[in-house]
PDB file of all heavy atoms in Angstrom:
ATOM      1  N   GLY A   1      83.790 112.620  86.153  1.00  0.00           N
ATOM      2  CA  GLY A   1      83.702 111.375  86.877  1.00  0.00           C
ATOM      3  C   GLY A   1      82.788 111.513  88.058  1.00  0.00           C
ATOM      4  O   GLY A   1      81.863 112.339  88.055  1.00  0.00           O
ATOM      5  N   TYR A   2      83.046 110.717  89.091  1.00  0.00           N
ATOM      6  CA  TYR A   2      82.169 110.642  90.248  1.00  0.00           C
ATOM      7  C   TYR A   2      82.971 110.782  91.521  1.00  0.00           C
ATOM      8  O   TYR A   2      84.154 110.366  91.553  1.00  0.00           O
ATOM      9  CB  TYR A   2      81.433 109.297  90.264  1.00  0.00           C
ATOM     10  CG  TYR A   2      80.889 108.915  88.895  1.00  0.00           C
ATOM     11  CD1 TYR A   2      81.627 108.081  88.066  1.00  0.00           C
ATOM     12  CD2 TYR A   2      79.710 109.445  88.418  1.00  0.00           C
ATOM     13  CE1 TYR A   2      81.195 107.778  86.785  1.00  0.00           C
ATOM     14  CE2 TYR A   2      79.261 109.143  87.139  1.00  0.00           C
ATOM     15  CZ  TYR A   2      80.025 108.338  86.322  1.00  0.00           C
ATOM     16  OH  TYR A   2      79.555 108.055  85.071  1.00  0.00           O
ATOM     17  N   SER A   3      82.379 111.336  92.552  1.00  0.00           N
ATOM     18  CA  SER A   3      83.047 111.490  93.818  1.00  0.00           C
ATOM     19  C   SER A   3      82.094 111.215  94.982  1.00  0.00           C
ATOM     20  O   SER A   3      80.872 111.238  94.780  1.00  0.00           O
ATOM     21  CB  SER A   3      83.658 112.884  93.951  1.00  0.00           C
ATOM     22  OG  SER A   3      82.647 113.858  94.010  1.00  0.00           O
ATOM     23  N   LEU A   4      82.649 110.976  96.137  1.00  0.00           N
ATOM     24  CA  LEU A   4      81.853 110.812  97.328  1.00  0.00           C
ATOM     25  C   LEU A   4      82.769 110.930  98.562  1.00  0.00           C
ATOM     26  O   LEU A   4      83.978 110.904  98.439  1.00  0.00           O
ATOM     27  CB  LEU A   4      81.142 109.402  97.337  1.00  0.00           C
ATOM     28  CG  LEU A   4      81.972 108.161  97.110  1.00  0.00           C
ATOM     29  CD1 LEU A   4      82.610 107.685  98.407  1.00  0.00           C
ATOM     30  CD2 LEU A   4      81.100 107.065  96.559  1.00  0.00           C
ATOM     31  N   PHE A   5      82.142 111.071  99.681  1.00  0.00           N
ATOM     32  CA  PHE A   5      82.843 111.059 100.991  1.00  0.00           C
ATOM     33  C   PHE A   5      82.436 109.817 101.708  1.00  0.00           C
ATOM     34  O   PHE A   5      81.279 109.382 101.609  1.00  0.00           O
ATOM     35  CB  PHE A   5      82.459 112.270 101.839  1.00  0.00           C
ATOM     36  CG  PHE A   5      82.914 113.601 101.314  1.00  0.00           C
ATOM     37  CD1 PHE A   5      82.021 114.540 100.886  1.00  0.00           C
ATOM     38  CD2 PHE A   5      84.270 113.934 101.279  1.00  0.00           C
ATOM     39  CE1 PHE A   5      82.409 115.785 100.422  1.00  0.00           C
ATOM     40  CE2 PHE A   5      84.676 115.163 100.772  1.00  0.00           C
ATOM     41  CZ  PHE A   5      83.758 116.060 100.360  1.00  0.00           C
ATOM     42  N   VAL A   6      83.344 109.227 102.456  1.00  0.00           N
ATOM     43  CA  VAL A   6      83.017 108.117 103.327  1.00  0.00           C
ATOM     44  C   VAL A   6      83.794 108.265 104.630  1.00  0.00           C
ATOM     45  O   VAL A   6      84.973 108.656 104.612  1.00  0.00           O
ATOM     46  CB  VAL A   6      83.324 106.762 102.632  1.00  0.00           C
ATOM     47  CG1 VAL A   6      84.815 106.617 102.304  1.00  0.00           C
ATOM     48  CG2 VAL A   6      82.857 105.593 103.469  1.00  0.00           C
ATOM     49  N   LEU A   7      83.141 107.989 105.717  1.00  0.00           N
ATOM     50  CA  LEU A   7      83.827 108.047 107.004  1.00  0.00           C
ATOM     51  C   LEU A   7      84.883 106.930 107.057  1.00  0.00           C
ATOM     52  O   LEU A   7      84.653 105.815 106.584  1.00  0.00           O
ATOM     53  CB  LEU A   7      82.834 107.851 108.158  1.00  0.00           C
ATOM     54  CG  LEU A   7      81.889 109.031 108.428  1.00  0.00           C
ATOM     55  CD1 LEU A   7      80.897 108.662 109.532  1.00  0.00           C
ATOM     56  CD2 LEU A   7      82.686 110.264 108.807  1.00  0.00           C
ATOM     57  N   LYS A   8      86.054 107.290 107.605  1.00  0.00           N
ATOM     58  CA  LYS A   8      87.148 106.297 107.666  1.00  0.00           C
ATOM     59  C   LYS A   8      86.713 105.019 108.366  1.00  0.00           C
ATOM     60  O   LYS A   8      87.116 103.929 107.998  1.00  0.00           O
ATOM     61  CB  LYS A   8      88.346 106.929 108.389  1.00  0.00           C
ATOM     62  CG  LYS A   8      89.008 108.000 107.587  1.00  0.00           C
ATOM     63  CD  LYS A   8      90.143 108.659 108.394  1.00  0.00           C
ATOM     64  CE  LYS A   8      90.727 109.847 107.627  1.00  0.00           C
ATOM     65  NZ  LYS A   8      91.743 110.523 108.387  1.00  0.00           N
ATOM     66  N   ALA A   9      85.870 105.142 109.363  1.00  0.00           N
ATOM     67  CA  ALA A   9      85.423 103.988 110.161  1.00  0.00           C
ATOM     68  C   ALA A   9      84.376 103.130 109.432  1.00  0.00           C
ATOM     69  O   ALA A   9      84.096 102.020 109.866  1.00  0.00           O
ATOM     70  CB  ALA A   9      84.869 104.454 111.484  1.00  0.00           C
ATOM     71  N   ASN A  10      83.845 103.632 108.343  1.00  0.00           N
ATOM     72  CA  ASN A  10      82.772 102.894 107.631  1.00  0.00           C
ATOM     73  C   ASN A  10      83.454 101.937 106.613  1.00  0.00           C
ATOM     74  O   ASN A  10      83.373 102.136 105.400  1.00  0.00           O
ATOM     75  CB  ASN A  10      81.809 103.862 106.942  1.00  0.00           C
ATOM     76  CG  ASN A  10      80.568 103.223 106.422  1.00  0.00           C
ATOM     77  OD1 ASN A  10      80.448 101.985 106.408  1.00  0.00           O
ATOM     78  ND2 ASN A  10      79.614 104.024 106.020  1.00  0.00           N
ATOM     79  N   THR A  11      84.053 100.904 107.130  1.00  0.00           N
ATOM     80  CA  THR A  11      84.862 100.013 106.298  1.00  0.00           C
ATOM     81  C   THR A  11      84.040  99.260 105.285  1.00  0.00           C
ATOM     82  O   THR A  11      84.460  99.005 104.194  1.00  0.00           O
ATOM     83  CB  THR A  11      85.672  99.027 107.147  1.00  0.00           C
ATOM     84  OG1 THR A  11      84.784  98.345 108.024  1.00  0.00           O
ATOM     85  CG2 THR A  11      86.721  99.748 107.973  1.00  0.00           C
ATOM     86  N   ARG A  12      82.800  98.906 105.635  1.00  0.00           N
ATOM     87  CA  ARG A  12      81.933  98.187 104.719  1.00  0.00           C
ATOM     88  C   ARG A  12      81.628  99.044 103.449  1.00  0.00           C
ATOM     89  O   ARG A  12      81.708  98.553 102.326  1.00  0.00           O
ATOM     90  CB  ARG A  12      80.621  97.839 105.439  1.00  0.00           C
ATOM     91  CG  ARG A  12      79.740  96.929 104.651  1.00  0.00           C
ATOM     92  CD  ARG A  12      78.536  96.564 105.504  1.00  0.00           C
ATOM     93  NE  ARG A  12      77.837  95.450 104.916  1.00  0.00           N
ATOM     94  CZ  ARG A  12      76.872  94.824 105.515  1.00  0.00           C
ATOM     95  NH1 ARG A  12      76.449  95.192 106.690  1.00  0.00           N
ATOM     96  NH2 ARG A  12      76.269  93.817 104.921  1.00  0.00           N
ATOM     97  N   ALA A  13      81.288 100.310 103.651  1.00  0.00           N
ATOM     98  CA  ALA A  13      81.023 101.161 102.509  1.00  0.00           C
ATOM     99  C   ALA A  13      82.299 101.424 101.723  1.00  0.00           C
ATOM    100  O   ALA A  13      82.270 101.382 100.484  1.00  0.00           O
ATOM    101  CB  ALA A  13      80.437 102.499 103.000  1.00  0.00           C
ATOM    102  N   LYS A  14      83.400 101.634 102.403  1.00  0.00           N
ATOM    103  CA  LYS A  14      84.652 101.871 101.678  1.00  0.00           C
ATOM    104  C   LYS A  14      85.011 100.689 100.828  1.00  0.00           C
ATOM    105  O   LYS A  14      85.438 100.864  99.668  1.00  0.00           O
ATOM    106  CB  LYS A  14      85.809 102.169 102.688  1.00  0.00           C
ATOM    107  CG  LYS A  14      87.110 102.480 102.035  1.00  0.00           C
ATOM    108  CD  LYS A  14      88.205 102.742 103.061  1.00  0.00           C
ATOM    109  CE  LYS A  14      89.533 102.819 102.367  1.00  0.00           C
ATOM    110  NZ  LYS A  14      90.621 102.792 103.316  1.00  0.00           N
ATOM    111  N   LYS A  15      84.828  99.498 101.325  1.00  0.00           N
ATOM    112  CA  LYS A  15      85.111  98.293 100.536  1.00  0.00           C
ATOM    113  C   LYS A  15      84.251  98.236  99.278  1.00  0.00           C
ATOM    114  O   LYS A  15      84.718  97.893  98.183  1.00  0.00           O
ATOM    115  CB  LYS A  15      84.862  97.072 101.423  1.00  0.00           C
ATOM    116  CG  LYS A  15      85.166  95.751 100.744  1.00  0.00           C
ATOM    117  CD  LYS A  15      84.945  94.573 101.701  1.00  0.00           C
ATOM    118  CE  LYS A  15      85.204  93.262 101.020  1.00  0.00           C
ATOM    119  NZ  LYS A  15      84.930  92.129 101.909  1.00  0.00           N
ATOM    120  N   LEU A  16      82.972  98.593  99.400  1.00  0.00           N
ATOM    121  CA  LEU A  16      82.082  98.625  98.225  1.00  0.00           C
ATOM    122  C   LEU A  16      82.557  99.643  97.216  1.00  0.00           C
ATOM    123  O   LEU A  16      82.642  99.352  96.009  1.00  0.00           O
ATOM    124  CB  LEU A  16      80.647  98.944  98.651  1.00  0.00           C
ATOM    125  CG  LEU A  16      79.653  99.250  97.513  1.00  0.00           C
ATOM    126  CD1 LEU A  16      79.468  98.060  96.607  1.00  0.00           C
ATOM    127  CD2 LEU A  16      78.342  99.700  98.084  1.00  0.00           C
ATOM    128  N   TYR A  17      82.888 100.853  97.666  1.00  0.00           N
ATOM    129  CA  TYR A  17      83.344 101.906  96.777  1.00  0.00           C
ATOM    130  C   TYR A  17      84.628 101.505  96.019  1.00  0.00           C
ATOM    131  O   TYR A  17      84.752 101.765  94.805  1.00  0.00           O
ATOM    132  CB  TYR A  17      83.517 103.227  97.499  1.00  0.00           C
ATOM    133  CG  TYR A  17      82.287 103.678  98.245  1.00  0.00           C
ATOM    134  CD1 TYR A  17      82.392 104.379  99.432  1.00  0.00           C
ATOM    135  CD2 TYR A  17      80.986 103.364  97.811  1.00  0.00           C
ATOM    136  CE1 TYR A  17      81.279 104.805 100.160  1.00  0.00           C
ATOM    137  CE2 TYR A  17      79.845 103.748  98.530  1.00  0.00           C
ATOM    138  CZ  TYR A  17      80.004 104.486  99.702  1.00  0.00           C
ATOM    139  OH  TYR A  17      78.893 104.863 100.401  1.00  0.00           O
ATOM    140  N   LEU A  18      85.549 100.893  96.716  1.00  0.00           N
ATOM    141  CA  LEU A  18      86.766 100.402  96.096  1.00  0.00           C
ATOM    142  C   LEU A  18      86.455  99.377  95.037  1.00  0.00           C
ATOM    143  O   LEU A  18      87.021  99.396  93.934  1.00  0.00           O
ATOM    144  CB  LEU A  18      87.748  99.866  97.154  1.00  0.00           C
ATOM    145  CG  LEU A  18      88.385 100.902  98.065  1.00  0.00           C
ATOM    146  CD1 LEU A  18      89.108 100.201  99.218  1.00  0.00           C
ATOM    147  CD2 LEU A  18      89.361 101.808  97.330  1.00  0.00           C
ATOM    148  N   LYS A  19      85.561  98.438  95.356  1.00  0.00           N
ATOM    149  CA  LYS A  19      85.167  97.387  94.426  1.00  0.00           C
ATOM    150  C   LYS A  19      84.532  98.018  93.150  1.00  0.00           C
ATOM    151  O   LYS A  19      84.707  97.468  92.049  1.00  0.00           O
ATOM    152  CB  LYS A  19      84.133  96.467  95.107  1.00  0.00           C
ATOM    153  CG  LYS A  19      83.675  95.298  94.257  1.00  0.00           C
ATOM    154  CD  LYS A  19      82.720  94.438  95.035  1.00  0.00           C
ATOM    155  CE  LYS A  19      81.414  94.427  94.301  1.00  0.00           C
ATOM    156  NZ  LYS A  19      80.326  93.735  94.983  1.00  0.00           N
ATOM    157  N   LEU A  20      83.851  99.161  93.294  1.00  0.00           N
ATOM    158  CA  LEU A  20      83.206  99.817  92.169  1.00  0.00           C
ATOM    159  C   LEU A  20      84.180 100.745  91.410  1.00  0.00           C
ATOM    160  O   LEU A  20      83.772 101.445  90.486  1.00  0.00           O
ATOM    161  CB  LEU A  20      82.003 100.589  92.630  1.00  0.00           C
ATOM    162  CG  LEU A  20      80.843  99.714  93.089  1.00  0.00           C
ATOM    163  CD1 LEU A  20      79.733 100.546  93.703  1.00  0.00           C
ATOM    164  CD2 LEU A  20      80.300  98.885  91.944  1.00  0.00           C
ATOM    165  N   GLY A  21      85.456 100.788  91.801  1.00  0.00           N
ATOM    166  CA  GLY A  21      86.456 101.572  91.089  1.00  0.00           C
ATOM    167  C   GLY A  21      86.760 102.917  91.629  1.00  0.00           C
ATOM    168  O   GLY A  21      87.532 103.667  91.012  1.00  0.00           O
ATOM    169  N   PHE A  22      86.227 103.285  92.770  1.00  0.00           N
ATOM    170  CA  PHE A  22      86.563 104.548  93.409  1.00  0.00           C
ATOM    171  C   PHE A  22      87.929 104.403  94.057  1.00  0.00           C
ATOM    172  O   PHE A  22      88.279 103.319  94.552  1.00  0.00           O
ATOM    173  CB  PHE A  22      85.532 104.935  94.461  1.00  0.00           C
ATOM    174  CG  PHE A  22      84.223 105.425  93.915  1.00  0.00           C
ATOM    175  CD1 PHE A  22      83.251 104.525  93.468  1.00  0.00           C
ATOM    176  CD2 PHE A  22      83.956 106.811  93.813  1.00  0.00           C
ATOM    177  CE1 PHE A  22      82.024 104.985  92.965  1.00  0.00           C
ATOM    178  CE2 PHE A  22      82.762 107.253  93.286  1.00  0.00           C
ATOM    179  CZ  PHE A  22      81.827 106.353  92.859  1.00  0.00           C
ATOM    180  N   LYS A  23      88.677 105.516  94.056  1.00  0.00           N
ATOM    181  CA  LYS A  23      90.003 105.539  94.710  1.00  0.00           C
ATOM    182  C   LYS A  23      90.038 106.710  95.670  1.00  0.00           C
ATOM    183  O   LYS A  23      89.509 107.768  95.393  1.00  0.00           O
ATOM    184  CB  LYS A  23      91.096 105.701  93.650  1.00  0.00           C
ATOM    185  CG  LYS A  23      91.205 104.469  92.737  1.00  0.00           C
ATOM    186  CD  LYS A  23      92.278 104.684  91.680  1.00  0.00           C
ATOM    187  CE  LYS A  23      92.534 103.447  90.862  1.00  0.00           C
ATOM    188  NZ  LYS A  23      91.455 102.907  90.154  1.00  0.00           N
ATOM    189  N   VAL A  24      90.752 106.498  96.788  1.00  0.00           N
ATOM    190  CA  VAL A  24      90.935 107.597  97.753  1.00  0.00           C
ATOM    191  C   VAL A  24      91.840 108.628  97.160  1.00  0.00           C
ATOM    192  O   VAL A  24      92.911 108.307  96.575  1.00  0.00           O
ATOM    193  CB  VAL A  24      91.519 107.043  99.070  1.00  0.00           C
ATOM    194  CG1 VAL A  24      91.810 108.168 100.048  1.00  0.00           C
ATOM    195  CG2 VAL A  24      90.594 106.008  99.688  1.00  0.00           C
ATOM    196  N   GLN A  25      91.438 109.913  97.258  1.00  0.00           N
ATOM    197  CA  GLN A  25      92.268 111.006  96.802  1.00  0.00           C
ATOM    198  C   GLN A  25      92.300 112.096  97.858  1.00  0.00           C
ATOM    199  O   GLN A  25      91.384 112.186  98.691  1.00  0.00           O
ATOM    200  CB  GLN A  25      91.674 111.627  95.506  1.00  0.00           C
ATOM    201  CG  GLN A  25      91.968 110.870  94.275  1.00  0.00           C
ATOM    202  CD  GLN A  25      91.626 111.637  93.005  1.00  0.00           C
ATOM    203  OE1 GLN A  25      91.161 112.764  93.071  1.00  0.00           O
ATOM    204  NE2 GLN A  25      91.856 111.037  91.856  1.00  0.00           N
ATOM    205  N   GLU A  26      93.281 112.937  97.760  1.00  0.00           N
ATOM    206  CA  GLU A  26      93.366 114.120  98.647  1.00  0.00           C
ATOM    207  C   GLU A  26      92.256 115.078  98.218  1.00  0.00           C
ATOM    208  O   GLU A  26      92.090 115.359  97.005  1.00  0.00           O
ATOM    209  CB  GLU A  26      94.722 114.758  98.489  1.00  0.00           C
ATOM    210  CG  GLU A  26      95.051 115.817  99.507  1.00  0.00           C
ATOM    211  CD  GLU A  26      95.294 115.246 100.877  1.00  0.00           C
ATOM    212  OE1 GLU A  26      95.770 114.131 101.002  1.00  0.00           O
ATOM    213  OE2 GLU A  26      94.937 115.965 101.852  1.00  0.00           O
ATOM    214  N   TYR A  27      91.500 115.586  99.145  1.00  0.00           N
ATOM    215  CA  TYR A  27      90.444 116.554  98.801  1.00  0.00           C
ATOM    216  C   TYR A  27      91.121 117.873  98.523  1.00  0.00           C
ATOM    217  O   TYR A  27      91.936 118.352  99.317  1.00  0.00           O
ATOM    218  CB  TYR A  27      89.434 116.668  99.952  1.00  0.00           C
ATOM    219  CG  TYR A  27      88.215 117.460  99.590  1.00  0.00           C
ATOM    220  CD1 TYR A  27      87.363 116.998  98.600  1.00  0.00           C
ATOM    221  CD2 TYR A  27      87.917 118.640 100.239  1.00  0.00           C
ATOM    222  CE1 TYR A  27      86.222 117.735  98.254  1.00  0.00           C
ATOM    223  CE2 TYR A  27      86.793 119.363  99.910  1.00  0.00           C
ATOM    224  CZ  TYR A  27      85.945 118.930  98.906  1.00  0.00           C
ATOM    225  OH  TYR A  27      84.813 119.623  98.575  1.00  0.00           O
ATOM    226  N   PRO A  28      90.794 118.533  97.410  1.00  0.00           N
ATOM    227  CA  PRO A  28      91.489 119.745  96.989  1.00  0.00           C
ATOM    228  C   PRO A  28      91.176 121.017  97.752  1.00  0.00           C
ATOM    229  O   PRO A  28      91.783 122.059  97.528  1.00  0.00           O
ATOM    230  CB  PRO A  28      91.131 119.875  95.515  1.00  0.00           C
ATOM    231  CG  PRO A  28      89.827 119.189  95.365  1.00  0.00           C
ATOM    232  CD  PRO A  28      89.840 118.087  96.392  1.00  0.00           C
ATOM    233  N   GLU A  29      90.216 120.946  98.653  1.00  0.00           N
ATOM    234  CA  GLU A  29      89.856 122.092  99.488  1.00  0.00           C
ATOM    235  C   GLU A  29      89.917 121.702 100.947  1.00  0.00           C
ATOM    236  O   GLU A  29      90.421 120.602 101.258  1.00  0.00           O
ATOM    237  CB  GLU A  29      88.425 122.560  99.131  1.00  0.00           C
ATOM    238  CG  GLU A  29      88.299 123.042  97.703  1.00  0.00           C
ATOM    239  CD  GLU A  29      86.903 123.479  97.353  1.00  0.00           C
ATOM    240  OE1 GLU A  29      85.961 123.209  98.121  1.00  0.00           O
ATOM    241  OE2 GLU A  29      86.723 124.061  96.254  1.00  0.00           O
ATOM    242  N   ILE A  30      89.443 122.547 101.822  1.00  0.00           N
ATOM    243  CA  ILE A  30      89.331 122.168 103.257  1.00  0.00           C
ATOM    244  C   ILE A  30      88.295 121.069 103.361  1.00  0.00           C
ATOM    245  O   ILE A  30      87.170 121.227 102.901  1.00  0.00           O
ATOM    246  CB  ILE A  30      88.997 123.394 104.142  1.00  0.00           C
ATOM    247  CG1 ILE A  30      90.083 124.413 104.059  1.00  0.00           C
ATOM    248  CG2 ILE A  30      88.739 122.954 105.576  1.00  0.00           C
ATOM    249  CD1 ILE A  30      89.767 125.735 104.710  1.00  0.00           C
ATOM    250  N   MET A  31      88.664 119.967 104.006  1.00  0.00           N
ATOM    251  CA  MET A  31      87.755 118.824 104.135  1.00  0.00           C
ATOM    252  C   MET A  31      86.515 119.255 104.946  1.00  0.00           C
ATOM    253  O   MET A  31      86.684 119.696 106.098  1.00  0.00           O
ATOM    254  CB  MET A  31      88.470 117.666 104.806  1.00  0.00           C
ATOM    255  CG  MET A  31      87.608 116.423 104.991  1.00  0.00           C
ATOM    256  SD  MET A  31      86.982 115.721 103.472  1.00  0.00           S
ATOM    257  CE  MET A  31      88.234 114.542 103.071  1.00  0.00           C
ATOM    258  N   PRO A  32      85.337 119.108 104.361  1.00  0.00           N
ATOM    259  CA  PRO A  32      84.146 119.583 105.063  1.00  0.00           C
ATOM    260  C   PRO A  32      83.645 118.638 106.162  1.00  0.00           C
ATOM    261  O   PRO A  32      82.815 119.033 106.964  1.00  0.00           O
ATOM    262  CB  PRO A  32      83.106 119.671 103.928  1.00  0.00           C
ATOM    263  CG  PRO A  32      83.563 118.729 102.921  1.00  0.00           C
ATOM    264  CD  PRO A  32      85.064 118.668 103.006  1.00  0.00           C
ATOM    265  N   LEU A  33      84.175 117.434 106.190  1.00  0.00           N
ATOM    266  CA  LEU A  33      83.747 116.439 107.151  1.00  0.00           C
ATOM    267  C   LEU A  33      84.953 115.863 107.911  1.00  0.00           C
ATOM    268  O   LEU A  33      85.950 115.522 107.284  1.00  0.00           O
ATOM    269  CB  LEU A  33      82.996 115.286 106.494  1.00  0.00           C
ATOM    270  CG  LEU A  33      81.810 115.682 105.616  1.00  0.00           C
ATOM    271  CD1 LEU A  33      81.389 114.501 104.752  1.00  0.00           C
ATOM    272  CD2 LEU A  33      80.656 116.128 106.511  1.00  0.00           C
ATOM    273  N   ALA A  34      84.836 115.722 109.233  1.00  0.00           N
ATOM    274  CA  ALA A  34      85.933 115.157 110.030  1.00  0.00           C
ATOM    275  C   ALA A  34      85.993 113.667 109.805  1.00  0.00           C
ATOM    276  O   ALA A  34      84.993 113.004 109.569  1.00  0.00           O
ATOM    277  CB  ALA A  34      85.724 115.482 111.470  1.00  0.00           C
ATOM    278  N   ASP A  35      87.201 113.070 109.931  1.00  0.00           N
ATOM    279  CA  ASP A  35      87.410 111.616 109.876  1.00  0.00           C
ATOM    280  C   ASP A  35      86.813 111.020 108.606  1.00  0.00           C
ATOM    281  O   ASP A  35      86.209 109.954 108.637  1.00  0.00           O
ATOM    282  CB  ASP A  35      86.824 110.926 111.106  1.00  0.00           C
ATOM    283  CG  ASP A  35      87.460 111.428 112.385  1.00  0.00           C
ATOM    284  OD1 ASP A  35      88.675 111.598 112.393  1.00  0.00           O
ATOM    285  OD2 ASP A  35      86.752 111.617 113.366  1.00  0.00           O
ATOM    286  N   CYS A  36      87.007 111.734 107.479  1.00  0.00           N
ATOM    287  CA  CYS A  36      86.390 111.330 106.244  1.00  0.00           C
ATOM    288  C   CYS A  36      87.459 111.131 105.192  1.00  0.00           C
ATOM    289  O   CYS A  36      88.495 111.763 105.206  1.00  0.00           O
ATOM    290  CB  CYS A  36      85.446 112.439 105.791  1.00  0.00           C
ATOM    291  SG  CYS A  36      83.891 111.840 105.315  1.00  0.00           S
ATOM    292  N   LEU A  37      87.134 110.261 104.241  1.00  0.00           N
ATOM    293  CA  LEU A  37      87.965 110.077 103.019  1.00  0.00           C
ATOM    294  C   LEU A  37      87.170 110.635 101.824  1.00  0.00           C
ATOM    295  O   LEU A  37      85.931 110.510 101.779  1.00  0.00           O
ATOM    296  CB  LEU A  37      88.249 108.604 102.800  1.00  0.00           C
ATOM    297  CG  LEU A  37      89.020 107.892 103.893  1.00  0.00           C
ATOM    298  CD1 LEU A  37      89.071 106.394 103.604  1.00  0.00           C
ATOM    299  CD2 LEU A  37      90.448 108.468 103.972  1.00  0.00           C
ATOM    300  N   TYR A  38      87.895 111.175 100.908  1.00  0.00           N
ATOM    301  CA  TYR A  38      87.326 111.654  99.641  1.00  0.00           C
ATOM    302  C   TYR A  38      87.703 110.621  98.597  1.00  0.00           C
ATOM    303  O   TYR A  38      88.879 110.230  98.468  1.00  0.00           O
ATOM    304  CB  TYR A  38      87.902 112.990  99.282  1.00  0.00           C
ATOM    305  CG  TYR A  38      87.449 113.608  97.963  1.00  0.00           C
ATOM    306  CD1 TYR A  38      86.117 113.933  97.766  1.00  0.00           C
ATOM    307  CD2 TYR A  38      88.360 113.882  96.965  1.00  0.00           C
ATOM    308  CE1 TYR A  38      85.689 114.518  96.578  1.00  0.00           C
ATOM    309  CE2 TYR A  38      87.968 114.482  95.781  1.00  0.00           C
ATOM    310  CZ  TYR A  38      86.620 114.774  95.588  1.00  0.00           C
ATOM    311  OH  TYR A  38      86.204 115.356  94.417  1.00  0.00           O
ATOM    312  N   MET A  39      86.680 110.081  97.882  1.00  0.00           N
ATOM    313  CA  MET A  39      86.936 109.053  96.884  1.00  0.00           C
ATOM    314  C   MET A  39      86.431 109.504  95.515  1.00  0.00           C
ATOM    315  O   MET A  39      85.378 110.156  95.450  1.00  0.00           O
ATOM    316  CB  MET A  39      86.260 107.724  97.315  1.00  0.00           C
ATOM    317  CG  MET A  39      86.816 107.200  98.626  1.00  0.00           C
ATOM    318  SD  MET A  39      86.152 105.602  99.110  1.00  0.00           S
ATOM    319  CE  MET A  39      87.081 104.489  98.043  1.00  0.00           C
ATOM    320  N   VAL A  40      87.166 109.143  94.475  1.00  0.00           N
ATOM    321  CA  VAL A  40      86.844 109.592  93.133  1.00  0.00           C
ATOM    322  C   VAL A  40      86.941 108.397  92.187  1.00  0.00           C
ATOM    323  O   VAL A  40      87.766 107.510  92.353  1.00  0.00           O
ATOM    324  CB  VAL A  40      87.890 110.696  92.715  1.00  0.00           C
ATOM    325  CG1 VAL A  40      87.802 110.932  91.215  1.00  0.00           C
ATOM    326  CG2 VAL A  40      87.656 111.974  93.497  1.00  0.00           C
ATOM    327  N   LYS A  41      86.074 108.423  91.199  1.00  0.00           N
ATOM    328  CA  LYS A  41      86.119 107.462  90.101  1.00  0.00           C
ATOM    329  C   LYS A  41      86.055 108.277  88.809  1.00  0.00           C
ATOM    330  O   LYS A  41      85.055 108.938  88.538  1.00  0.00           O
ATOM    331  CB  LYS A  41      84.921 106.522  90.205  1.00  0.00           C
ATOM    332  CG  LYS A  41      84.845 105.528  89.071  1.00  0.00           C
ATOM    333  CD  LYS A  41      83.710 104.559  89.261  1.00  0.00           C
ATOM    334  CE  LYS A  41      83.652 103.569  88.092  1.00  0.00           C
ATOM    335  NZ  LYS A  41      82.738 102.479  88.356  1.00  0.00           N
TER     336      LYS A  41
END
């Protein structure tokens, strides 16, 4: 599938990713970016 990171504060981008079928998931390793969400489709 596909994955990406998005800053929690970047609500516009997060809304687009959700519309395209991405879902927030727990990142399986140490999160490389602060204040970020990991999204997967």
